[in-house]
Amino acid sequence: MKKIITLLFISSICAASLYAQMTPVIATVDVQRVLNDYTAFQKAVEKVKGSVAPVEEEMKRMQANIEDIVTTGREVEAKVKNPALDEEAKAEARAQVATLQAQLQQAQIELQQFRQQAQQLAQQGQKEQLAPLQQKAVDAVKQVAQDKGIDLVVPLNTVVFAADALEISDAVIAVLNAAE
């Protein structure tokens, strides 16, 4: 029995020392640089921006309209407070203020709805155009890691310090752009 326990103890020490000798190979990747230098990704980004640009222009136009309503409202409110105006003119100005307030509320509601639609459009573009390319970038990182015998790849922006020799961003970019 003593021999079995001793044999198990020695076996476990040998196994632990072998396991301790297997040092994992680690690398870093600059995710932002990979995506910036990935030509298909940048084309997709431009396509998404192009589809959102008209919506942004319309939102700017709507915002300018709201600002015009606010400016007009301030001018009319100044009329209401003018002691030189007679009551009939003040009543007319108050009615105009009420109309402008209703227009302002409606314009703000429309702008909010338009913003939500624009956000949905941008998210849809992200999902349809960019997400598949981001997955290709992850796959390229995996491929480079396997080719180089790397066990762990971490994003460069989450590391306090890493030697330049550990970075595989150039290799990943090369794999991605070669596939185009």
C-alpha atoms as a PDB file:
ATOM      1  CA  MET A   1       0.000   0.000   0.000  1.00  0.00           C
ATOM      2  CA  LYS A   2       2.895   2.301   0.859  1.00  0.00           C
ATOM      3  CA  LYS A   3       4.432   1.641  -2.537  1.00  0.00           C
ATOM      4  CA  ILE A   4       1.194   2.562  -4.328  1.00  0.00           C
ATOM      5  CA  ILE A   5       0.863   5.837  -2.411  1.00  0.00           C
ATOM      6  CA  THR A   6       4.502   6.672  -3.065  1.00  0.00           C
ATOM      7  CA  LEU A   7       4.093   5.836  -6.765  1.00  0.00           C
ATOM      8  CA  LEU A   8       0.966   8.005  -7.026  1.00  0.00           C
ATOM      9  CA  PHE A   9       2.709  10.852  -5.236  1.00  0.00           C
ATOM     10  CA  ILE A  10       5.732  10.699  -7.544  1.00  0.00           C
ATOM     11  CA  SER A  11       3.477  10.436 -10.602  1.00  0.00           C
ATOM     12  CA  SER A  12       1.524  13.513  -9.572  1.00  0.00           C
ATOM     13  CA  ILE A  13       4.741  15.485  -8.979  1.00  0.00           C
ATOM     14  CA  CYS A  14       6.032  14.484 -12.424  1.00  0.00           C
ATOM     15  CA  ALA A  15       2.766  15.425 -14.070  1.00  0.00           C
ATOM     16  CA  ALA A  16       2.693  18.782 -12.272  1.00  0.00           C
ATOM     17  CA  SER A  17       6.270  19.563 -13.289  1.00  0.00           C
ATOM     18  CA  LEU A  18       5.520  18.686 -16.923  1.00  0.00           C
ATOM     19  CA  TYR A  19       2.419  20.873 -16.855  1.00  0.00           C
ATOM     20  CA  ALA A  20       4.377  23.737 -15.289  1.00  0.00           C
ATOM     21  CA  GLN A  21       6.941  23.538 -18.086  1.00  0.00           C
ATOM     22  CA  MET A  22       4.302  24.170 -20.766  1.00  0.00           C
ATOM     23  CA  THR A  23       4.386  27.959 -20.985  1.00  0.00           C
ATOM     24  CA  PRO A  24       1.555  29.421 -23.018  1.00  0.00           C
ATOM     25  CA  VAL A  25       2.462  31.557 -26.022  1.00  0.00           C
ATOM     26  CA  ILE A  26       0.781  34.958 -25.863  1.00  0.00           C
ATOM     27  CA  ALA A  27       0.324  37.655 -28.496  1.00  0.00           C
ATOM     28  CA  THR A  28      -1.418  40.999 -28.797  1.00  0.00           C
ATOM     29  CA  VAL A  29      -3.472  42.525 -31.569  1.00  0.00           C
ATOM     30  CA  ASP A  30      -4.391  46.178 -32.122  1.00  0.00           C
ATOM     31  CA  VAL A  31      -8.061  45.697 -32.967  1.00  0.00           C
ATOM     32  CA  GLN A  32      -8.634  49.312 -34.014  1.00  0.00           C
ATOM     33  CA  ARG A  33      -5.667  49.300 -36.372  1.00  0.00           C
ATOM     34  CA  VAL A  34      -6.726  45.966 -37.855  1.00  0.00           C
ATOM     35  CA  LEU A  35     -10.195  47.328 -38.630  1.00  0.00           C
ATOM     36  CA  ASN A  36      -8.796  50.639 -39.910  1.00  0.00           C
ATOM     37  CA  ASP A  37      -6.426  48.850 -42.281  1.00  0.00           C
ATOM     38  CA  TYR A  38      -8.933  46.185 -43.354  1.00  0.00           C
ATOM     39  CA  THR A  39     -10.034  47.556 -46.742  1.00  0.00           C
ATOM     40  CA  ALA A  40     -13.354  45.690 -46.968  1.00  0.00           C
ATOM     41  CA  PHE A  41     -14.301  46.905 -43.497  1.00  0.00           C
ATOM     42  CA  GLN A  42     -13.516  50.515 -44.387  1.00  0.00           C
ATOM     43  CA  LYS A  43     -15.587  50.238 -47.576  1.00  0.00           C
ATOM     44  CA  ALA A  44     -18.488  48.902 -45.525  1.00  0.00           C
ATOM     45  CA  VAL A  45     -18.104  51.745 -43.009  1.00  0.00           C
ATOM     46  CA  GLU A  46     -18.296  54.263 -45.853  1.00  0.00           C
ATOM     47  CA  LYS A  47     -21.362  52.510 -47.239  1.00  0.00           C
ATOM     48  CA  VAL A  48     -23.104  52.658 -43.845  1.00  0.00           C
ATOM     49  CA  LYS A  49     -22.132  56.324 -43.427  1.00  0.00           C
ATOM     50  CA  GLY A  50     -23.464  57.037 -46.911  1.00  0.00           C
ATOM     51  CA  SER A  51     -26.820  55.490 -46.089  1.00  0.00           C
ATOM     52  CA  VAL A  52     -27.082  57.475 -42.849  1.00  0.00           C
ATOM     53  CA  ALA A  53     -25.871  60.820 -44.286  1.00  0.00           C
ATOM     54  CA  PRO A  54     -29.211  61.853 -45.849  1.00  0.00           C
ATOM     55  CA  VAL A  55     -30.956  61.067 -42.582  1.00  0.00           C
ATOM     56  CA  GLU A  56     -28.465  63.211 -40.659  1.00  0.00           C
ATOM     57  CA  GLU A  57     -29.030  66.073 -43.104  1.00  0.00           C
ATOM     58  CA  GLU A  58     -32.764  65.829 -42.567  1.00  0.00           C
ATOM     59  CA  MET A  59     -32.243  65.860 -38.795  1.00  0.00           C
ATOM     60  CA  LYS A  60     -30.137  69.025 -39.137  1.00  0.00           C
ATOM     61  CA  ARG A  61     -32.932  70.622 -41.173  1.00  0.00           C
ATOM     62  CA  MET A  62     -35.483  69.621 -38.552  1.00  0.00           C
ATOM     63  CA  GLN A  63     -33.273  71.004 -35.772  1.00  0.00           C
ATOM     64  CA  ALA A  64     -32.916  74.307 -37.661  1.00  0.00           C
ATOM     65  CA  ASN A  65     -36.711  74.458 -37.971  1.00  0.00           C
ATOM     66  CA  ILE A  66     -37.052  73.959 -34.215  1.00  0.00           C
ATOM     67  CA  GLU A  67     -34.537  76.746 -33.588  1.00  0.00           C
ATOM     68  CA  ASP A  68     -36.529  79.048 -35.914  1.00  0.00           C
ATOM     69  CA  ILE A  69     -39.725  78.294 -33.999  1.00  0.00           C
ATOM     70  CA  VAL A  70     -37.974  79.020 -30.691  1.00  0.00           C
ATOM     71  CA  THR A  71     -36.568  82.316 -32.019  1.00  0.00           C
ATOM     72  CA  THR A  72     -39.985  83.386 -33.324  1.00  0.00           C
ATOM     73  CA  GLY A  73     -41.549  82.357 -30.018  1.00  0.00           C
ATOM     74  CA  ARG A  74     -39.141  84.550 -28.068  1.00  0.00           C
ATOM     75  CA  GLU A  75     -39.926  87.503 -30.311  1.00  0.00           C
ATOM     76  CA  VAL A  76     -43.668  87.016 -29.868  1.00  0.00           C
ATOM     77  CA  GLU A  77     -43.304  86.603 -26.082  1.00  0.00           C
ATOM     78  CA  ALA A  78     -41.449  89.920 -26.038  1.00  0.00           C
ATOM     79  CA  LYS A  79     -44.483  91.477 -27.761  1.00  0.00           C
ATOM     80  CA  VAL A  80     -46.791  90.048 -25.092  1.00  0.00           C
ATOM     81  CA  LYS A  81     -44.670  91.675 -22.387  1.00  0.00           C
ATOM     82  CA  ASN A  82     -44.531  95.032 -24.192  1.00  0.00           C
ATOM     83  CA  PRO A  83     -46.548  97.509 -22.108  1.00  0.00           C
ATOM     84  CA  ALA A  84     -47.028  99.773 -25.143  1.00  0.00           C
ATOM     85  CA  LEU A  85     -49.276  97.221 -26.919  1.00  0.00           C
ATOM     86  CA  ASP A  86     -53.023  97.337 -26.437  1.00  0.00           C
ATOM     87  CA  GLU A  87     -54.909  94.324 -25.101  1.00  0.00           C
ATOM     88  CA  GLU A  88     -56.088  93.213 -28.539  1.00  0.00           C
ATOM     89  CA  ALA A  89     -52.500  93.039 -29.852  1.00  0.00           C
ATOM     90  CA  LYS A  90     -51.388  91.230 -26.687  1.00  0.00           C
ATOM     91  CA  ALA A  91     -54.217  88.701 -27.062  1.00  0.00           C
ATOM     92  CA  GLU A  92     -53.230  88.118 -30.681  1.00  0.00           C
ATOM     93  CA  ALA A  93     -49.589  87.649 -29.596  1.00  0.00           C
ATOM     94  CA  ARG A  94     -50.659  85.180 -26.867  1.00  0.00           C
ATOM     95  CA  ALA A  95     -52.570  83.152 -29.460  1.00  0.00           C
ATOM     96  CA  GLN A  96     -49.515  83.171 -31.684  1.00  0.00           C
ATOM     97  CA  VAL A  97     -47.371  81.970 -28.730  1.00  0.00           C
ATOM     98  CA  ALA A  98     -49.784  79.096 -28.142  1.00  0.00           C
ATOM     99  CA  THR A  99     -49.643  78.155 -31.834  1.00  0.00           C
ATOM    100  CA  LEU A 100     -45.845  78.290 -31.806  1.00  0.00           C
ATOM    101  CA  GLN A 101     -45.702  76.125 -28.670  1.00  0.00           C
ATOM    102  CA  ALA A 102     -47.864  73.509 -30.383  1.00  0.00           C
ATOM    103  CA  GLN A 103     -45.655  73.659 -33.481  1.00  0.00           C
ATOM    104  CA  LEU A 104     -42.561  73.321 -31.304  1.00  0.00           C
ATOM    105  CA  GLN A 105     -43.914  70.268 -29.497  1.00  0.00           C
ATOM    106  CA  GLN A 106     -44.893  68.643 -32.793  1.00  0.00           C
ATOM    107  CA  ALA A 107     -41.504  69.387 -34.344  1.00  0.00           C
ATOM    108  CA  GLN A 108     -39.698  67.962 -31.307  1.00  0.00           C
ATOM    109  CA  ILE A 109     -41.798  64.787 -31.448  1.00  0.00           C
ATOM    110  CA  GLU A 110     -41.057  64.385 -35.161  1.00  0.00           C
ATOM    111  CA  LEU A 111     -37.345  64.948 -34.589  1.00  0.00           C
ATOM    112  CA  GLN A 112     -37.298  62.350 -31.803  1.00  0.00           C
ATOM    113  CA  GLN A 113     -39.086  59.807 -34.004  1.00  0.00           C
ATOM    114  CA  PHE A 114     -36.703  60.563 -36.859  1.00  0.00           C
ATOM    115  CA  ARG A 115     -33.704  60.102 -34.539  1.00  0.00           C
ATOM    116  CA  GLN A 116     -35.015  56.710 -33.478  1.00  0.00           C
ATOM    117  CA  GLN A 117     -35.446  55.680 -37.114  1.00  0.00           C
ATOM    118  CA  ALA A 118     -31.931  56.904 -37.905  1.00  0.00           C
ATOM    119  CA  GLN A 119     -30.542  54.927 -34.991  1.00  0.00           C
ATOM    120  CA  GLN A 120     -32.343  51.810 -36.199  1.00  0.00           C
ATOM    121  CA  LEU A 121     -30.974  52.377 -39.704  1.00  0.00           C
ATOM    122  CA  ALA A 122     -27.439  52.711 -38.349  1.00  0.00           C
ATOM    123  CA  GLN A 123     -27.829  49.580 -36.215  1.00  0.00           C
ATOM    124  CA  GLN A 124     -29.176  47.664 -39.192  1.00  0.00           C
ATOM    125  CA  GLY A 125     -26.198  48.773 -41.281  1.00  0.00           C
ATOM    126  CA  GLN A 126     -23.883  47.749 -38.459  1.00  0.00           C
ATOM    127  CA  LYS A 127     -25.525  44.358 -38.221  1.00  0.00           C
ATOM    128  CA  GLU A 128     -25.714  43.658 -41.955  1.00  0.00           C
ATOM    129  CA  GLN A 129     -22.529  45.284 -43.221  1.00  0.00           C
ATOM    130  CA  LEU A 130     -19.992  45.485 -40.412  1.00  0.00           C
ATOM    131  CA  ALA A 131     -20.690  42.551 -38.093  1.00  0.00           C
ATOM    132  CA  PRO A 132     -19.798  39.872 -40.693  1.00  0.00           C
ATOM    133  CA  LEU A 133     -16.531  41.659 -41.438  1.00  0.00           C
ATOM    134  CA  GLN A 134     -15.738  41.948 -37.735  1.00  0.00           C
ATOM    135  CA  GLN A 135     -16.253  38.191 -37.481  1.00  0.00           C
ATOM    136  CA  LYS A 136     -13.854  37.710 -40.412  1.00  0.00           C
ATOM    137  CA  ALA A 137     -11.291  39.758 -38.488  1.00  0.00           C
ATOM    138  CA  VAL A 138     -11.727  37.501 -35.440  1.00  0.00           C
ATOM    139  CA  ASP A 139     -11.342  34.452 -37.684  1.00  0.00           C
ATOM    140  CA  ALA A 140      -8.155  35.943 -39.157  1.00  0.00           C
ATOM    141  CA  VAL A 141      -6.769  36.447 -35.639  1.00  0.00           C
ATOM    142  CA  LYS A 142      -7.525  32.787 -34.896  1.00  0.00           C
ATOM    143  CA  GLN A 143      -5.869  31.695 -38.136  1.00  0.00           C
ATOM    144  CA  VAL A 144      -2.701  33.693 -37.463  1.00  0.00           C
ATOM    145  CA  ALA A 145      -2.616  32.413 -33.872  1.00  0.00           C
ATOM    146  CA  GLN A 146      -2.903  28.804 -35.035  1.00  0.00           C
ATOM    147  CA  ASP A 147      -0.267  29.298 -37.745  1.00  0.00           C
ATOM    148  CA  LYS A 148       2.182  30.771 -35.227  1.00  0.00           C
ATOM    149  CA  GLY A 149       1.369  28.371 -32.375  1.00  0.00           C
ATOM    150  CA  ILE A 150      -0.093  31.100 -30.202  1.00  0.00           C
ATOM    151  CA  ASP A 151      -2.275  30.015 -27.283  1.00  0.00           C
ATOM    152  CA  LEU A 152      -3.712  33.386 -26.241  1.00  0.00           C
ATOM    153  CA  VAL A 153      -4.320  36.645 -28.111  1.00  0.00           C
ATOM    154  CA  VAL A 154      -5.351  39.743 -26.163  1.00  0.00           C
ATOM    155  CA  PRO A 155      -6.396  43.170 -27.453  1.00  0.00           C
ATOM    156  CA  LEU A 156      -3.498  45.594 -27.231  1.00  0.00           C
ATOM    157  CA  ASN A 157      -5.627  48.338 -25.668  1.00  0.00           C
ATOM    158  CA  THR A 158      -6.321  46.157 -22.607  1.00  0.00           C
ATOM    159  CA  VAL A 159      -2.669  45.469 -21.841  1.00  0.00           C
ATOM    160  CA  VAL A 160      -0.532  47.694 -19.638  1.00  0.00           C
ATOM    161  CA  PHE A 161       2.665  46.630 -21.371  1.00  0.00           C
ATOM    162  CA  ALA A 162       3.592  44.217 -24.143  1.00  0.00           C
ATOM    163  CA  ALA A 163       6.775  43.857 -26.139  1.00  0.00           C
ATOM    164  CA  ASP A 164       6.432  44.856 -29.780  1.00  0.00           C
ATOM    165  CA  ALA A 165       7.464  41.359 -30.791  1.00  0.00           C
ATOM    166  CA  LEU A 166       4.210  39.998 -29.363  1.00  0.00           C
ATOM    167  CA  GLU A 167       1.979  42.026 -31.695  1.00  0.00           C
ATOM    168  CA  ILE A 168       0.443  40.154 -34.634  1.00  0.00           C
ATOM    169  CA  SER A 169      -1.668  42.986 -36.087  1.00  0.00           C
ATOM    170  CA  ASP A 170       0.325  43.208 -39.330  1.00  0.00           C
ATOM    171  CA  ALA A 171      -0.075  39.495 -39.970  1.00  0.00           C
ATOM    172  CA  VAL A 172      -3.822  39.682 -39.318  1.00  0.00           C
ATOM    173  CA  ILE A 173      -4.189  42.677 -41.663  1.00  0.00           C
ATOM    174  CA  ALA A 174      -2.259  40.808 -44.344  1.00  0.00           C
ATOM    175  CA  VAL A 175      -4.541  37.771 -44.031  1.00  0.00           C
ATOM    176  CA  LEU A 176      -7.681  39.920 -44.208  1.00  0.00           C
ATOM    177  CA  ASN A 177      -6.625  42.005 -47.185  1.00  0.00           C
ATOM    178  CA  ALA A 178      -5.247  38.986 -49.032  1.00  0.00           C
ATOM    179  CA  ALA A 179      -8.699  37.399 -48.898  1.00  0.00           C
ATOM    180  CA  GLU A 180     -10.200  40.338 -50.821  1.00  0.00           C
END
